[in-house]
Amino acid sequence: SVVFFSTLAGWAFAKLRFRGSKWLLVFVVATMAVPMQLGVVPLYILFADLGWTGNIGAIIIPALTSAFGVFWMTQYMQQAVPDELLEAARMDGANSFRTFLTVAVPAARPAMAILGLFTFMMAWTDYLWPLIVLQTNENKTLTLVVSSLASSYYPDYGVVMVATVLATLPTIIVFFLLQRRFVEGLTGSVK
């Protein structure tokens, strides 16, 4: 969801002209300056009122999009998608969403892969919010389980090391799956 919504918002900020777009983008970027820890208490109160504490949805819903993703995709779309391609798509009769799907998404695949990798790594290693919102042991994330193994009174370091290796394997696998796109995205600005 972060990759899709950030790409869509980046497309709108970079290539569509609407009233207040610059100020709205400034507001989105300014939200990156606010630490996540400041919003933990109101967010917890909101999810407690909804009855979602202890539910995995309480972790998923706040992470559906990110300000960094919107900023990243806006910057990439401004450089990677030439206005001539957009004009050609409009001349062929494509509406804005069709132009987004057929022109912008193929051009933005390297940046989408990098954003997907960053988002996966952030979600996989998230510690504070799952610690606060998931109180039961049945829904704990892998990061919380490894932490609880290491913080016991007499930790078995062999088990802790095996759990740590198993916790890092998915990030390594995702990196190798997206490696070609990752390198394309990093070298795309050099061309």
N, C-alpha and C. Protein backbone atom coordinates (compact mmCIF):
# COMPACT_ATOMS: atom_id res chain seq x y z
N SER A 1 0.82 -1.20 0.00
CA SER A 1 0.00 0.00 0.00
C SER A 1 0.86 1.26 0.00
N VAL A 2 2.00 1.21 0.71
CA VAL A 2 2.87 2.39 0.76
C VAL A 2 3.40 2.70 -0.63
N VAL A 3 3.82 1.68 -1.36
CA VAL A 3 4.37 1.90 -2.70
C VAL A 3 3.29 2.44 -3.63
N PHE A 4 2.10 1.86 -3.60
CA PHE A 4 1.03 2.31 -4.49
C PHE A 4 0.60 3.73 -4.18
N PHE A 5 0.26 3.99 -2.92
CA PHE A 5 -0.24 5.32 -2.55
C PHE A 5 0.84 6.39 -2.71
N SER A 6 2.08 6.06 -2.40
CA SER A 6 3.15 7.04 -2.55
C SER A 6 3.42 7.33 -4.02
N THR A 7 3.36 6.31 -4.86
CA THR A 7 3.54 6.53 -6.30
C THR A 7 2.40 7.38 -6.86
N LEU A 8 1.19 7.08 -6.44
CA LEU A 8 0.04 7.86 -6.92
C LEU A 8 0.12 9.31 -6.45
N ALA A 9 0.47 9.52 -5.18
CA ALA A 9 0.60 10.89 -4.68
C ALA A 9 1.79 11.60 -5.32
N GLY A 10 2.89 10.89 -5.51
CA GLY A 10 4.05 11.48 -6.17
C GLY A 10 3.73 11.90 -7.60
N TRP A 11 2.94 11.09 -8.28
CA TRP A 11 2.49 11.42 -9.63
C TRP A 11 1.65 12.70 -9.61
N ALA A 12 0.74 12.79 -8.66
CA ALA A 12 -0.12 13.97 -8.58
C ALA A 12 0.69 15.22 -8.27
N PHE A 13 1.62 15.13 -7.33
CA PHE A 13 2.41 16.31 -6.98
C PHE A 13 3.39 16.69 -8.08
N ALA A 14 3.92 15.72 -8.80
CA ALA A 14 4.95 16.02 -9.80
C ALA A 14 4.37 16.46 -11.13
N LYS A 15 3.26 15.88 -11.56
CA LYS A 15 2.82 16.10 -12.93
C LYS A 15 1.43 16.71 -13.09
N LEU A 16 0.62 16.67 -12.07
CA LEU A 16 -0.71 17.26 -12.17
C LEU A 16 -0.70 18.64 -11.52
N ARG A 17 -1.39 19.56 -12.12
CA ARG A 17 -1.44 20.91 -11.58
C ARG A 17 -2.78 21.12 -10.90
N PHE A 18 -2.76 21.40 -9.60
CA PHE A 18 -3.98 21.70 -8.87
C PHE A 18 -3.67 22.75 -7.82
N ARG A 19 -4.69 23.44 -7.38
CA ARG A 19 -4.53 24.55 -6.45
C ARG A 19 -4.01 24.04 -5.10
N GLY A 20 -2.96 24.66 -4.61
CA GLY A 20 -2.41 24.33 -3.31
C GLY A 20 -1.48 23.14 -3.30
N SER A 21 -1.07 22.65 -4.46
CA SER A 21 -0.23 21.45 -4.49
C SER A 21 1.14 21.68 -3.85
N LYS A 22 1.71 22.83 -4.08
CA LYS A 22 3.03 23.10 -3.50
C LYS A 22 2.96 23.18 -1.97
N TRP A 23 1.92 23.85 -1.46
CA TRP A 23 1.79 23.96 0.00
C TRP A 23 1.44 22.62 0.63
N LEU A 24 0.67 21.82 -0.06
CA LEU A 24 0.34 20.49 0.46
C LEU A 24 1.57 19.61 0.49
N LEU A 25 2.42 19.70 -0.53
CA LEU A 25 3.67 18.94 -0.54
C LEU A 25 4.60 19.42 0.57
N VAL A 26 4.65 20.72 0.81
CA VAL A 26 5.45 21.24 1.92
C VAL A 26 4.93 20.70 3.25
N PHE A 27 3.62 20.62 3.41
CA PHE A 27 3.04 20.07 4.63
C PHE A 27 3.41 18.59 4.80
N VAL A 28 3.33 17.82 3.72
CA VAL A 28 3.68 16.39 3.78
C VAL A 28 5.15 16.23 4.15
N VAL A 29 6.02 17.02 3.55
CA VAL A 29 7.45 16.93 3.87
C VAL A 29 7.70 17.39 5.30
N ALA A 30 6.98 18.39 5.76
CA ALA A 30 7.15 18.87 7.14
C ALA A 30 6.76 17.83 8.17
N THR A 31 5.84 16.94 7.82
CA THR A 31 5.47 15.89 8.76
C THR A 31 6.60 14.91 9.01
N MET A 32 7.58 14.87 8.12
CA MET A 32 8.73 14.00 8.35
C MET A 32 9.60 14.53 9.48
N ALA A 33 9.48 15.80 9.81
CA ALA A 33 10.26 16.40 10.89
C ALA A 33 9.69 16.08 12.27
N VAL A 34 8.45 15.61 12.30
CA VAL A 34 7.81 15.27 13.57
C VAL A 34 8.15 13.83 13.91
N PRO A 35 8.78 13.57 15.04
CA PRO A 35 9.12 12.19 15.40
C PRO A 35 7.87 11.35 15.65
N MET A 36 7.98 10.09 15.32
CA MET A 36 6.85 9.18 15.49
C MET A 36 6.46 9.06 16.96
N GLN A 37 7.42 9.23 17.86
CA GLN A 37 7.17 9.06 19.28
C GLN A 37 6.17 10.10 19.81
N LEU A 38 6.07 11.26 19.15
CA LEU A 38 5.12 12.28 19.60
C LEU A 38 3.67 11.87 19.35
N GLY A 39 3.46 11.04 18.36
CA GLY A 39 2.10 10.64 18.03
C GLY A 39 1.67 9.32 18.64
N VAL A 40 2.52 8.70 19.42
CA VAL A 40 2.22 7.38 19.96
C VAL A 40 1.03 7.41 20.92
N VAL A 41 1.02 8.36 21.84
CA VAL A 41 -0.05 8.40 22.85
C VAL A 41 -1.41 8.68 22.21
N PRO A 42 -1.58 9.72 21.37
CA PRO A 42 -2.90 9.92 20.74
C PRO A 42 -3.31 8.75 19.85
N LEU A 43 -2.34 8.16 19.14
CA LEU A 43 -2.66 7.03 18.28
C LEU A 43 -3.10 5.82 19.11
N TYR A 44 -2.44 5.61 20.23
CA TYR A 44 -2.84 4.51 21.10
C TYR A 44 -4.24 4.74 21.67
N ILE A 45 -4.53 5.97 22.07
CA ILE A 45 -5.87 6.28 22.59
C ILE A 45 -6.92 6.04 21.52
N LEU A 46 -6.62 6.44 20.28
CA LEU A 46 -7.55 6.22 19.17
C LEU A 46 -7.81 4.74 18.96
N PHE A 47 -6.76 3.93 18.91
CA PHE A 47 -6.94 2.50 18.68
C PHE A 47 -7.56 1.79 19.89
N ALA A 48 -7.31 2.31 21.09
CA ALA A 48 -7.97 1.74 22.27
C ALA A 48 -9.47 2.04 22.24
N ASP A 49 -9.84 3.25 21.80
CA ASP A 49 -11.26 3.58 21.68
C ASP A 49 -11.95 2.73 20.62
N LEU A 50 -11.22 2.41 19.55
CA LEU A 50 -11.77 1.56 18.49
C LEU A 50 -11.78 0.08 18.87
N GLY A 51 -11.04 -0.26 19.93
CA GLY A 51 -10.96 -1.65 20.35
C GLY A 51 -9.97 -2.47 19.53
N TRP A 52 -9.00 -1.82 18.94
CA TRP A 52 -8.04 -2.51 18.07
C TRP A 52 -6.73 -2.84 18.75
N THR A 53 -6.54 -2.49 20.01
CA THR A 53 -5.28 -2.84 20.67
C THR A 53 -5.21 -4.35 20.80
N GLY A 54 -4.04 -4.89 20.57
CA GLY A 54 -3.86 -6.33 20.56
C GLY A 54 -4.17 -6.95 19.22
N ASN A 55 -4.58 -6.14 18.25
CA ASN A 55 -4.93 -6.61 16.91
C ASN A 55 -3.85 -6.20 15.92
N ILE A 56 -3.56 -7.05 14.96
CA ILE A 56 -2.51 -6.75 13.98
C ILE A 56 -2.90 -5.58 13.08
N GLY A 57 -4.19 -5.30 12.97
CA GLY A 57 -4.65 -4.15 12.19
C GLY A 57 -4.17 -2.82 12.76
N ALA A 58 -3.91 -2.80 14.05
CA ALA A 58 -3.40 -1.58 14.68
C ALA A 58 -1.99 -1.27 14.23
N ILE A 59 -1.29 -2.25 13.71
CA ILE A 59 0.04 -2.02 13.16
C ILE A 59 -0.04 -1.66 11.68
N ILE A 60 -0.98 -2.26 10.98
CA ILE A 60 -1.08 -2.09 9.53
C ILE A 60 -1.66 -0.73 9.15
N ILE A 61 -2.73 -0.31 9.78
CA ILE A 61 -3.45 0.91 9.38
C ILE A 61 -2.58 2.16 9.45
N PRO A 62 -1.82 2.42 10.53
CA PRO A 62 -1.01 3.64 10.52
C PRO A 62 0.12 3.63 9.50
N ALA A 63 0.46 2.46 8.98
CA ALA A 63 1.58 2.37 8.06
C ALA A 63 1.14 2.22 6.60
N LEU A 64 -0.09 2.59 6.27
CA LEU A 64 -0.56 2.43 4.90
C LEU A 64 0.14 3.36 3.91
N THR A 65 0.63 4.48 4.38
CA THR A 65 1.38 5.39 3.53
C THR A 65 2.43 6.10 4.37
N SER A 66 3.38 6.74 3.70
CA SER A 66 4.42 7.45 4.44
C SER A 66 4.78 8.74 3.74
N ALA A 67 5.14 9.72 4.52
CA ALA A 67 5.53 11.02 3.96
C ALA A 67 6.83 10.88 3.17
N PHE A 68 7.74 10.05 3.66
CA PHE A 68 8.98 9.83 2.92
C PHE A 68 8.70 9.23 1.54
N GLY A 69 7.77 8.29 1.47
CA GLY A 69 7.44 7.68 0.19
C GLY A 69 6.86 8.68 -0.79
N VAL A 70 5.99 9.56 -0.31
CA VAL A 70 5.41 10.59 -1.17
C VAL A 70 6.50 11.53 -1.67
N PHE A 71 7.37 11.95 -0.79
CA PHE A 71 8.46 12.84 -1.18
C PHE A 71 9.40 12.15 -2.17
N TRP A 72 9.76 10.91 -1.89
CA TRP A 72 10.66 10.14 -2.75
C TRP A 72 10.08 10.01 -4.16
N MET A 73 8.82 9.61 -4.25
CA MET A 73 8.22 9.39 -5.56
C MET A 73 7.96 10.70 -6.29
N THR A 74 7.68 11.78 -5.56
CA THR A 74 7.51 13.08 -6.22
C THR A 74 8.81 13.51 -6.87
N GLN A 75 9.90 13.39 -6.15
CA GLN A 75 11.19 13.77 -6.71
C GLN A 75 11.57 12.90 -7.90
N TYR A 76 11.29 11.62 -7.81
CA TYR A 76 11.64 10.71 -8.91
C TYR A 76 10.77 10.98 -10.13
N MET A 77 9.48 11.20 -9.92
CA MET A 77 8.58 11.44 -11.05
C MET A 77 8.91 12.74 -11.78
N GLN A 78 9.36 13.75 -11.04
CA GLN A 78 9.70 15.01 -11.69
C GLN A 78 10.85 14.82 -12.67
N GLN A 79 11.77 13.92 -12.37
CA GLN A 79 12.93 13.72 -13.22
C GLN A 79 12.75 12.60 -14.23
N ALA A 80 12.04 11.54 -13.87
CA ALA A 80 12.02 10.34 -14.70
C ALA A 80 10.94 10.35 -15.78
N VAL A 81 9.88 11.09 -15.58
CA VAL A 81 8.77 11.09 -16.53
C VAL A 81 8.77 12.42 -17.29
N PRO A 82 9.18 12.40 -18.55
CA PRO A 82 9.18 13.66 -19.32
C PRO A 82 7.76 14.11 -19.67
N ASP A 83 7.59 15.40 -19.73
CA ASP A 83 6.27 15.96 -20.04
C ASP A 83 5.82 15.61 -21.46
N GLU A 84 6.76 15.36 -22.36
CA GLU A 84 6.41 15.00 -23.73
C GLU A 84 5.66 13.68 -23.79
N LEU A 85 6.04 12.73 -22.93
CA LEU A 85 5.32 11.44 -22.89
C LEU A 85 3.89 11.64 -22.39
N LEU A 86 3.72 12.53 -21.45
CA LEU A 86 2.37 12.81 -20.94
C LEU A 86 1.50 13.44 -22.02
N GLU A 87 2.08 14.38 -22.76
CA GLU A 87 1.34 15.02 -23.85
C GLU A 87 0.99 14.01 -24.93
N ALA A 88 1.90 13.09 -25.23
CA ALA A 88 1.62 12.06 -26.23
C ALA A 88 0.49 11.14 -25.76
N ALA A 89 0.48 10.81 -24.49
CA ALA A 89 -0.59 9.96 -23.95
C ALA A 89 -1.93 10.70 -24.00
N ARG A 90 -1.93 11.98 -23.70
CA ARG A 90 -3.17 12.77 -23.77
C ARG A 90 -3.67 12.88 -25.21
N MET A 91 -2.72 13.01 -26.15
CA MET A 91 -3.09 13.08 -27.57
C MET A 91 -3.71 11.76 -28.03
N ASP A 92 -3.28 10.66 -27.43
CA ASP A 92 -3.83 9.36 -27.78
C ASP A 92 -5.16 9.10 -27.09
N GLY A 93 -5.60 10.01 -26.23
CA GLY A 93 -6.90 9.90 -25.60
C GLY A 93 -6.90 9.28 -24.22
N ALA A 94 -5.74 9.13 -23.60
CA ALA A 94 -5.68 8.53 -22.26
C ALA A 94 -6.03 9.58 -21.20
N ASN A 95 -6.82 9.16 -20.23
CA ASN A 95 -7.11 10.05 -19.12
C ASN A 95 -5.94 10.05 -18.13
N SER A 96 -6.05 10.80 -17.05
CA SER A 96 -4.92 10.94 -16.11
C SER A 96 -4.54 9.62 -15.46
N PHE A 97 -5.54 8.83 -15.04
CA PHE A 97 -5.21 7.57 -14.38
C PHE A 97 -4.62 6.56 -15.35
N ARG A 98 -5.12 6.54 -16.57
CA ARG A 98 -4.56 5.65 -17.60
C ARG A 98 -3.13 6.06 -17.92
N THR A 99 -2.86 7.34 -18.00
CA THR A 99 -1.51 7.84 -18.22
C THR A 99 -0.60 7.44 -17.06
N PHE A 100 -1.14 7.52 -15.85
CA PHE A 100 -0.37 7.09 -14.68
C PHE A 100 0.02 5.61 -14.81
N LEU A 101 -0.95 4.77 -15.17
CA LEU A 101 -0.69 3.33 -15.24
C LEU A 101 0.24 2.95 -16.39
N THR A 102 0.09 3.59 -17.54
CA THR A 102 0.85 3.16 -18.72
C THR A 102 2.16 3.91 -18.93
N VAL A 103 2.28 5.11 -18.38
CA VAL A 103 3.50 5.89 -18.58
C VAL A 103 4.32 6.01 -17.30
N ALA A 104 3.68 6.43 -16.23
CA ALA A 104 4.42 6.74 -15.00
C ALA A 104 4.88 5.49 -14.26
N VAL A 105 4.02 4.50 -14.13
CA VAL A 105 4.39 3.31 -13.37
C VAL A 105 5.57 2.57 -14.00
N PRO A 106 5.59 2.33 -15.32
CA PRO A 106 6.79 1.68 -15.88
C PRO A 106 8.06 2.51 -15.72
N ALA A 107 7.94 3.82 -15.78
CA ALA A 107 9.12 4.67 -15.61
C ALA A 107 9.59 4.71 -14.16
N ALA A 108 8.67 4.49 -13.23
CA ALA A 108 9.00 4.62 -11.81
C ALA A 108 9.30 3.28 -11.14
N ARG A 109 9.37 2.19 -11.89
CA ARG A 109 9.60 0.89 -11.26
C ARG A 109 10.87 0.80 -10.43
N PRO A 110 12.00 1.36 -10.88
CA PRO A 110 13.19 1.30 -10.00
C PRO A 110 12.98 2.02 -8.67
N ALA A 111 12.37 3.19 -8.70
CA ALA A 111 12.12 3.92 -7.46
C ALA A 111 11.09 3.20 -6.60
N MET A 112 10.12 2.56 -7.23
CA MET A 112 9.13 1.80 -6.49
C MET A 112 9.78 0.61 -5.79
N ALA A 113 10.75 -0.02 -6.45
CA ALA A 113 11.45 -1.15 -5.84
C ALA A 113 12.25 -0.70 -4.62
N ILE A 114 12.93 0.42 -4.74
CA ILE A 114 13.71 0.94 -3.61
C ILE A 114 12.77 1.32 -2.47
N LEU A 115 11.67 1.98 -2.79
CA LEU A 115 10.70 2.33 -1.75
C LEU A 115 10.12 1.09 -1.09
N GLY A 116 9.85 0.07 -1.89
CA GLY A 116 9.35 -1.19 -1.34
C GLY A 116 10.35 -1.84 -0.40
N LEU A 117 11.62 -1.79 -0.78
CA LEU A 117 12.66 -2.36 0.08
C LEU A 117 12.78 -1.57 1.38
N PHE A 118 12.81 -0.25 1.29
CA PHE A 118 12.89 0.58 2.50
C PHE A 118 11.67 0.37 3.40
N THR A 119 10.50 0.31 2.80
CA THR A 119 9.27 0.13 3.57
C THR A 119 9.26 -1.23 4.26
N PHE A 120 9.68 -2.27 3.53
CA PHE A 120 9.73 -3.60 4.13
C PHE A 120 10.69 -3.64 5.30
N MET A 121 11.85 -3.03 5.12
CA MET A 121 12.83 -3.03 6.21
C MET A 121 12.32 -2.25 7.42
N MET A 122 11.66 -1.13 7.19
CA MET A 122 11.12 -0.35 8.31
C MET A 122 10.01 -1.12 9.03
N ALA A 123 9.14 -1.76 8.27
CA ALA A 123 8.04 -2.50 8.90
C ALA A 123 8.55 -3.76 9.60
N TRP A 124 9.53 -4.41 9.01
CA TRP A 124 10.05 -5.65 9.58
C TRP A 124 10.80 -5.41 10.89
N THR A 125 11.47 -4.28 11.01
CA THR A 125 12.26 -4.00 12.20
C THR A 125 11.57 -3.04 13.17
N ASP A 126 10.32 -2.70 12.92
CA ASP A 126 9.60 -1.78 13.80
C ASP A 126 9.47 -2.40 15.18
N TYR A 127 9.80 -1.62 16.19
CA TYR A 127 9.81 -2.15 17.55
C TYR A 127 8.85 -1.40 18.48
N LEU A 128 8.89 -0.07 18.46
CA LEU A 128 8.18 0.71 19.46
C LEU A 128 6.66 0.56 19.36
N TRP A 129 6.10 0.81 18.19
CA TRP A 129 4.65 0.76 18.06
C TRP A 129 4.08 -0.64 18.30
N PRO A 130 4.66 -1.72 17.73
CA PRO A 130 4.14 -3.05 18.08
C PRO A 130 4.27 -3.38 19.57
N LEU A 131 5.34 -2.91 20.22
CA LEU A 131 5.51 -3.15 21.65
C LEU A 131 4.37 -2.51 22.45
N ILE A 132 3.95 -1.32 22.03
CA ILE A 132 2.91 -0.60 22.75
C ILE A 132 1.52 -1.18 22.48
N VAL A 133 1.24 -1.49 21.23
CA VAL A 133 -0.13 -1.83 20.85
C VAL A 133 -0.45 -3.32 20.95
N LEU A 134 0.54 -4.18 20.90
CA LEU A 134 0.30 -5.62 21.00
C LEU A 134 0.67 -6.11 22.39
N GLN A 135 -0.32 -6.35 23.21
CA GLN A 135 -0.03 -6.78 24.57
C GLN A 135 0.01 -8.29 24.71
N THR A 136 -0.69 -9.02 23.87
CA THR A 136 -0.74 -10.48 24.00
C THR A 136 0.43 -11.13 23.28
N ASN A 137 0.80 -12.31 23.72
CA ASN A 137 1.92 -13.02 23.11
C ASN A 137 1.57 -13.64 21.77
N GLU A 138 0.30 -13.84 21.48
CA GLU A 138 -0.07 -14.54 20.25
C GLU A 138 0.13 -13.69 19.00
N ASN A 139 0.11 -12.38 19.10
CA ASN A 139 0.26 -11.50 17.94
C ASN A 139 1.59 -10.78 17.89
N LYS A 140 2.53 -11.12 18.71
CA LYS A 140 3.80 -10.38 18.75
C LYS A 140 4.57 -10.55 17.45
N THR A 141 5.24 -9.48 17.05
CA THR A 141 6.07 -9.54 15.86
C THR A 141 7.39 -10.24 16.18
N LEU A 142 8.11 -10.59 15.13
CA LEU A 142 9.37 -11.31 15.33
C LEU A 142 10.40 -10.47 16.08
N THR A 143 10.39 -9.19 15.86
CA THR A 143 11.30 -8.30 16.57
C THR A 143 11.02 -8.31 18.07
N LEU A 144 9.77 -8.33 18.44
CA LEU A 144 9.42 -8.38 19.86
C LEU A 144 9.78 -9.73 20.49
N VAL A 145 9.62 -10.80 19.72
CA VAL A 145 9.97 -12.12 20.24
C VAL A 145 11.47 -12.23 20.47
N VAL A 146 12.27 -11.75 19.51
CA VAL A 146 13.73 -11.79 19.68
C VAL A 146 14.13 -10.92 20.87
N SER A 147 13.50 -9.79 21.03
CA SER A 147 13.81 -8.93 22.16
C SER A 147 13.46 -9.59 23.49
N SER A 148 12.33 -10.26 23.54
CA SER A 148 11.95 -10.93 24.78
C SER A 148 12.85 -12.12 25.09
N LEU A 149 13.38 -12.79 24.04
CA LEU A 149 14.34 -13.86 24.27
C LEU A 149 15.63 -13.33 24.86
N ALA A 150 16.07 -12.19 24.36
CA ALA A 150 17.34 -11.62 24.81
C ALA A 150 17.22 -10.95 26.18
N SER A 151 16.03 -10.55 26.58
CA SER A 151 15.90 -9.81 27.84
C SER A 151 15.47 -10.70 29.01
N SER A 152 15.44 -12.00 28.82
CA SER A 152 15.10 -12.87 29.94
C SER A 152 16.25 -12.86 30.96
N TYR A 153 15.97 -13.41 32.13
CA TYR A 153 16.96 -13.33 33.22
C TYR A 153 18.23 -14.10 32.89
N TYR A 154 18.09 -15.29 32.37
CA TYR A 154 19.24 -16.08 31.90
C TYR A 154 19.01 -16.40 30.43
N PRO A 155 19.39 -15.49 29.53
CA PRO A 155 19.10 -15.74 28.11
C PRO A 155 20.00 -16.86 27.56
N ASP A 156 19.41 -17.68 26.71
CA ASP A 156 20.16 -18.69 25.98
C ASP A 156 20.67 -18.02 24.70
N TYR A 157 21.94 -17.67 24.69
CA TYR A 157 22.47 -16.88 23.59
C TYR A 157 22.46 -17.63 22.27
N GLY A 158 22.50 -18.93 22.30
CA GLY A 158 22.39 -19.71 21.07
C GLY A 158 21.02 -19.51 20.43
N VAL A 159 19.99 -19.58 21.23
CA VAL A 159 18.63 -19.37 20.72
C VAL A 159 18.45 -17.94 20.23
N VAL A 160 19.03 -16.98 20.96
CA VAL A 160 18.92 -15.58 20.56
C VAL A 160 19.62 -15.35 19.22
N MET A 161 20.78 -15.93 19.03
CA MET A 161 21.50 -15.77 17.76
C MET A 161 20.77 -16.43 16.60
N VAL A 162 20.23 -17.62 16.82
CA VAL A 162 19.45 -18.28 15.76
C VAL A 162 18.22 -17.46 15.42
N ALA A 163 17.54 -16.93 16.40
CA ALA A 163 16.36 -16.10 16.15
C ALA A 163 16.74 -14.82 15.42
N THR A 164 17.88 -14.25 15.75
CA THR A 164 18.34 -13.04 15.06
C THR A 164 18.66 -13.32 13.60
N VAL A 165 19.32 -14.44 13.34
CA VAL A 165 19.62 -14.82 11.95
C VAL A 165 18.33 -15.07 11.18
N LEU A 166 17.38 -15.76 11.79
CA LEU A 166 16.10 -16.01 11.12
C LEU A 166 15.34 -14.71 10.89
N ALA A 167 15.50 -13.75 11.79
CA ALA A 167 14.82 -12.46 11.62
C ALA A 167 15.43 -11.63 10.50
N THR A 168 16.71 -11.81 10.22
CA THR A 168 17.35 -11.03 9.15
C THR A 168 17.23 -11.70 7.78
N LEU A 169 16.93 -12.98 7.73
CA LEU A 169 16.82 -13.67 6.44
C LEU A 169 15.80 -13.05 5.48
N PRO A 170 14.60 -12.71 5.92
CA PRO A 170 13.65 -12.12 4.96
C PRO A 170 14.13 -10.82 4.33
N THR A 171 14.82 -9.97 5.08
CA THR A 171 15.32 -8.74 4.47
C THR A 171 16.39 -9.03 3.43
N ILE A 172 17.22 -10.03 3.67
CA ILE A 172 18.23 -10.41 2.68
C ILE A 172 17.57 -10.99 1.44
N ILE A 173 16.54 -11.80 1.62
CA ILE A 173 15.84 -12.40 0.48
C ILE A 173 15.15 -11.32 -0.34
N VAL A 174 14.48 -10.38 0.31
CA VAL A 174 13.81 -9.30 -0.41
C VAL A 174 14.83 -8.45 -1.16
N PHE A 175 15.99 -8.20 -0.56
CA PHE A 175 17.01 -7.42 -1.25
C PHE A 175 17.49 -8.14 -2.50
N PHE A 176 17.73 -9.44 -2.42
CA PHE A 176 18.19 -10.16 -3.60
C PHE A 176 17.12 -10.27 -4.67
N LEU A 177 15.85 -10.31 -4.28
CA LEU A 177 14.78 -10.31 -5.27
C LEU A 177 14.66 -8.97 -5.99
N LEU A 178 14.94 -7.90 -5.28
CA LEU A 178 14.81 -6.54 -5.85
C LEU A 178 16.16 -5.93 -6.22
N GLN A 179 17.22 -6.74 -6.23
CA GLN A 179 18.57 -6.21 -6.42
C GLN A 179 18.73 -5.50 -7.76
N ARG A 180 18.22 -6.09 -8.83
CA ARG A 180 18.38 -5.47 -10.15
C ARG A 180 17.68 -4.12 -10.21
N ARG A 181 16.46 -4.04 -9.69
CA ARG A 181 15.73 -2.77 -9.66
C ARG A 181 16.40 -1.77 -8.72
N PHE A 182 16.96 -2.27 -7.64
CA PHE A 182 17.66 -1.40 -6.69
C PHE A 182 18.86 -0.73 -7.35
N VAL A 183 19.64 -1.50 -8.09
CA VAL A 183 20.80 -0.94 -8.79
C VAL A 183 20.36 0.01 -9.89
N GLU A 184 19.27 -0.33 -10.60
CA GLU A 184 18.73 0.56 -11.63
C GLU A 184 18.31 1.89 -11.02
N GLY A 185 17.67 1.84 -9.86
CA GLY A 185 17.23 3.06 -9.20
C GLY A 185 18.38 3.92 -8.71
N LEU A 186 19.44 3.28 -8.24
CA LEU A 186 20.58 4.05 -7.76
C LEU A 186 21.38 4.65 -8.91
N THR A 187 21.49 3.94 -10.02
CA THR A 187 22.27 4.44 -11.15
C THR A 187 21.44 5.24 -12.13
N GLY A 188 20.12 5.31 -11.91
CA GLY A 188 19.26 6.05 -12.82
C GLY A 188 19.56 7.53 -12.87
N SER A 189 20.00 8.09 -11.76
CA SER A 189 20.30 9.51 -11.74
C SER A 189 21.67 9.82 -12.34
N VAL A 190 22.52 8.79 -12.53
CA VAL A 190 23.85 9.02 -13.08
C VAL A 190 23.82 9.15 -14.59
N LYS A 191 22.85 8.50 -15.25
CA LYS A 191 22.79 8.47 -16.71
C LYS A 191 22.70 9.83 -17.32
